[in-house]
Amino acid sequence: MKEDMMAKLFIPLLWFLLSVEGLNDHLSVQLAGKPLGGREQEVIDATNQLMLAICNADYELYQNVTDPSITSFEPEAVGQLVEGMSFHRFLFENDLPRLGGLVHIHLLNTHVRMLGEDAACMSYVRLMQYLDPDNMQSRTLKSEETRIWQHRNGKWVNVHFHRSGSPLVPSKGRL
């Protein structure tokens, strides 16, 4: 009985402490594979910024590294080609905040292929670890991703991606 009372007090307190500004930056992007330089490293850096935006539900940062006319195939779109940003904005405003910043992302088996001086294809497996806010249990989602990047106006922007596997955020019943 006493342990139940402690758990009921401890979990909300822990959740509050981890959510305090400055303590919720739980981004840990690990890029597997050989170190790259030059343009390849720039693409990896841009991908890191994109993952940081996802971890922190930061739509402004996401817009900064994404083309406004981006196209994508992803589990949330149930087999449909998504064009533009409104679909992603909805996810940023409604689904990602539920994770409360308690997210670690690991990019594994990364591969960058340059498609010329101003275009690149990056593929990897993404493991996304998060704490279930209802019971503070650790969960992991896996997806396979390919992203097409274009260099324009001095920066890399994501113009297309294809993600297979787990949804970005599990449905409310599974979270």
Protein backbone atom coordinates (compact mmCIF):
# COMPACT_ATOMS: atom_id res chain seq x y z
CA MET A 1 0.00 0.00 0.00
CA LYS A 2 2.75 2.40 0.99
CA GLU A 3 4.68 1.54 -2.23
CA ASP A 4 1.59 2.31 -4.34
CA MET A 5 1.28 5.72 -2.68
CA MET A 6 4.98 6.44 -3.29
CA ALA A 7 4.69 5.43 -6.96
CA LYS A 8 1.64 7.67 -7.42
CA LEU A 9 3.59 10.61 -6.00
CA PHE A 10 6.94 9.81 -7.58
CA ILE A 11 5.87 9.40 -11.24
CA PRO A 12 4.12 12.79 -11.53
CA LEU A 13 7.01 14.47 -9.72
CA LEU A 14 9.56 12.84 -12.03
CA TRP A 15 7.47 13.80 -15.07
CA PHE A 16 7.33 17.42 -13.86
CA LEU A 17 11.08 17.58 -13.19
CA LEU A 18 11.94 16.14 -16.61
CA SER A 19 9.60 18.59 -18.30
CA VAL A 20 11.15 21.70 -16.72
CA GLU A 21 12.77 23.98 -19.33
CA GLY A 22 16.38 23.02 -19.92
CA LEU A 23 15.99 19.45 -18.67
CA ASN A 24 13.97 18.02 -21.54
CA ASP A 25 16.59 18.09 -24.30
CA HIS A 26 16.94 14.33 -24.52
CA LEU A 27 18.22 14.18 -28.07
CA SER A 28 20.95 11.67 -28.67
CA VAL A 29 21.51 11.18 -32.37
CA GLN A 30 24.07 8.49 -33.01
CA LEU A 31 25.22 8.07 -36.57
CA ALA A 32 26.65 4.65 -37.26
CA GLY A 33 29.22 4.08 -39.97
CA LYS A 34 32.45 5.69 -41.05
CA PRO A 35 33.04 9.40 -40.41
CA LEU A 36 32.29 11.52 -43.46
CA GLY A 37 33.47 14.94 -44.51
CA GLY A 38 32.49 17.69 -46.91
CA ARG A 39 29.02 17.66 -48.42
CA GLU A 40 28.17 14.26 -46.91
CA GLN A 41 28.78 15.64 -43.41
CA GLU A 42 26.62 18.67 -44.23
CA VAL A 43 23.74 16.32 -45.11
CA ILE A 44 24.23 14.45 -41.82
CA ASP A 45 24.25 17.77 -39.95
CA ALA A 46 21.00 18.81 -41.67
CA THR A 47 19.48 15.44 -40.72
CA ASN A 48 20.56 16.02 -37.12
CA GLN A 49 18.71 19.36 -37.17
CA LEU A 50 15.63 17.63 -38.52
CA MET A 51 15.78 15.00 -35.75
CA LEU A 52 16.27 17.73 -33.15
CA ALA A 53 13.11 19.42 -34.46
CA ILE A 54 11.19 16.14 -34.13
CA CYS A 55 12.51 15.43 -30.62
CA ASN A 56 11.55 18.87 -29.38
CA ALA A 57 8.33 19.21 -31.41
CA ASP A 58 9.91 22.37 -32.86
CA TYR A 59 7.92 23.13 -36.01
CA GLU A 60 9.87 26.33 -36.70
CA LEU A 61 13.16 24.42 -36.87
CA TYR A 62 11.45 21.71 -38.96
CA GLN A 63 10.34 24.38 -41.48
CA ASN A 64 13.91 25.70 -41.63
CA VAL A 65 15.28 22.37 -42.92
CA THR A 66 12.26 21.27 -44.98
CA ASP A 67 11.09 22.44 -48.39
CA PRO A 68 7.53 23.88 -48.24
CA SER A 69 6.51 21.55 -51.09
CA ILE A 70 8.01 18.41 -49.50
CA THR A 71 6.57 15.07 -50.58
CA SER A 72 6.49 11.95 -48.45
CA PHE A 73 5.26 8.42 -47.98
CA GLU A 74 4.92 7.57 -44.29
CA PRO A 75 2.90 5.25 -42.04
CA GLU A 76 0.69 8.10 -40.78
CA ALA A 77 -0.44 8.80 -44.37
CA VAL A 78 -1.73 5.20 -44.73
CA GLY A 79 -0.16 4.61 -48.14
CA GLN A 80 -0.88 8.02 -49.66
CA LEU A 81 1.64 10.49 -51.06
CA VAL A 82 1.60 13.58 -48.85
CA GLU A 83 2.51 16.95 -50.41
CA GLY A 84 3.29 20.15 -48.52
CA MET A 85 3.59 20.98 -44.84
CA SER A 86 0.04 20.97 -43.43
CA PHE A 87 0.05 17.21 -42.73
CA HIS A 88 3.31 17.52 -40.80
CA ARG A 89 2.24 20.65 -38.97
CA PHE A 90 -0.74 18.74 -37.59
CA LEU A 91 1.59 16.03 -36.23
CA PHE A 92 3.88 18.63 -34.66
CA GLU A 93 0.99 20.44 -32.99
CA ASN A 94 -0.96 17.40 -31.79
CA ASP A 95 1.08 14.19 -31.61
CA LEU A 96 4.70 15.08 -30.85
CA PRO A 97 3.99 17.20 -27.75
CA ARG A 98 2.48 14.12 -26.06
CA LEU A 99 5.98 12.68 -25.75
CA GLY A 100 6.98 15.64 -23.60
CA GLY A 101 10.55 15.89 -24.91
CA LEU A 102 11.50 12.55 -23.36
CA VAL A 103 12.93 11.21 -26.60
CA HIS A 104 16.22 9.70 -27.77
CA ILE A 105 16.82 9.09 -31.46
CA HIS A 106 19.49 6.79 -32.83
CA LEU A 107 20.25 6.72 -36.57
CA LEU A 108 21.86 3.41 -37.52
CA ASN A 109 23.37 2.00 -40.71
CA THR A 110 23.54 5.47 -42.23
CA HIS A 111 24.44 5.89 -45.86
CA VAL A 112 24.83 9.17 -47.75
CA ARG A 113 24.95 9.10 -51.55
CA MET A 114 25.70 12.34 -53.33
CA LEU A 115 23.53 12.80 -56.43
CA GLY A 116 25.60 15.67 -57.77
CA GLU A 117 26.95 18.79 -56.06
CA ASP A 118 23.55 19.98 -54.79
CA ALA A 119 21.54 16.81 -54.15
CA ALA A 120 21.93 13.85 -51.82
CA CYS A 121 20.09 10.75 -50.68
CA MET A 122 20.46 9.64 -47.07
CA SER A 123 19.12 6.33 -45.77
CA TYR A 124 19.18 4.88 -42.27
CA VAL A 125 17.27 2.97 -39.62
CA ARG A 126 15.81 5.22 -36.93
CA LEU A 127 15.29 3.93 -33.40
CA MET A 128 13.23 6.33 -31.32
CA GLN A 129 13.16 5.69 -27.59
CA TYR A 130 10.67 7.51 -25.40
CA LEU A 131 9.13 7.32 -21.95
CA ASP A 132 5.44 6.51 -21.85
CA PRO A 133 4.00 9.51 -19.96
CA ASP A 134 1.27 7.37 -18.39
CA ASN A 135 3.57 4.89 -16.64
CA MET A 136 7.13 6.13 -17.34
CA GLN A 137 8.07 2.86 -19.06
CA SER A 138 10.64 2.98 -21.81
CA ARG A 139 9.40 2.19 -25.33
CA THR A 140 11.19 1.94 -28.68
CA LEU A 141 9.88 2.53 -32.20
CA LYS A 142 11.79 1.52 -35.34
CA SER A 143 11.51 2.87 -38.86
CA GLU A 144 13.49 2.70 -42.08
CA GLU A 145 13.93 6.07 -43.75
CA THR A 146 15.25 7.52 -46.98
CA ARG A 147 15.51 11.29 -47.34
CA ILE A 148 16.30 13.34 -50.44
CA TRP A 149 18.12 16.59 -49.71
CA GLN A 150 18.71 19.56 -52.01
CA HIS A 151 21.29 22.29 -51.40
CA ARG A 152 19.90 25.72 -52.22
CA ASN A 153 20.44 29.25 -50.95
CA GLY A 154 23.41 28.07 -48.89
CA LYS A 155 21.64 25.31 -46.93
CA TRP A 156 20.35 21.76 -47.26
CA VAL A 157 16.57 21.24 -47.31
CA ASN A 158 14.66 17.98 -47.21
CA VAL A 159 12.54 17.73 -50.37
CA HIS A 160 11.23 14.14 -50.09
CA PHE A 161 11.25 11.23 -47.66
CA HIS A 162 9.94 7.72 -47.43
CA ARG A 163 9.50 6.17 -43.99
CA SER A 164 8.44 2.58 -43.39
CA GLY A 165 7.86 0.82 -40.09
CA SER A 166 6.45 2.31 -36.91
CA PRO A 167 4.44 5.53 -36.91
CA LEU A 168 6.32 8.56 -35.63
CA VAL A 169 4.15 8.57 -32.52
CA PRO A 170 2.10 5.56 -31.43
CA SER A 171 -1.66 5.90 -31.34
CA LYS A 172 -3.05 7.23 -28.06
CA GLY A 173 -4.07 3.71 -27.02
CA ARG A 174 -0.48 2.50 -27.44
CA LEU A 175 1.34 5.50 -25.97
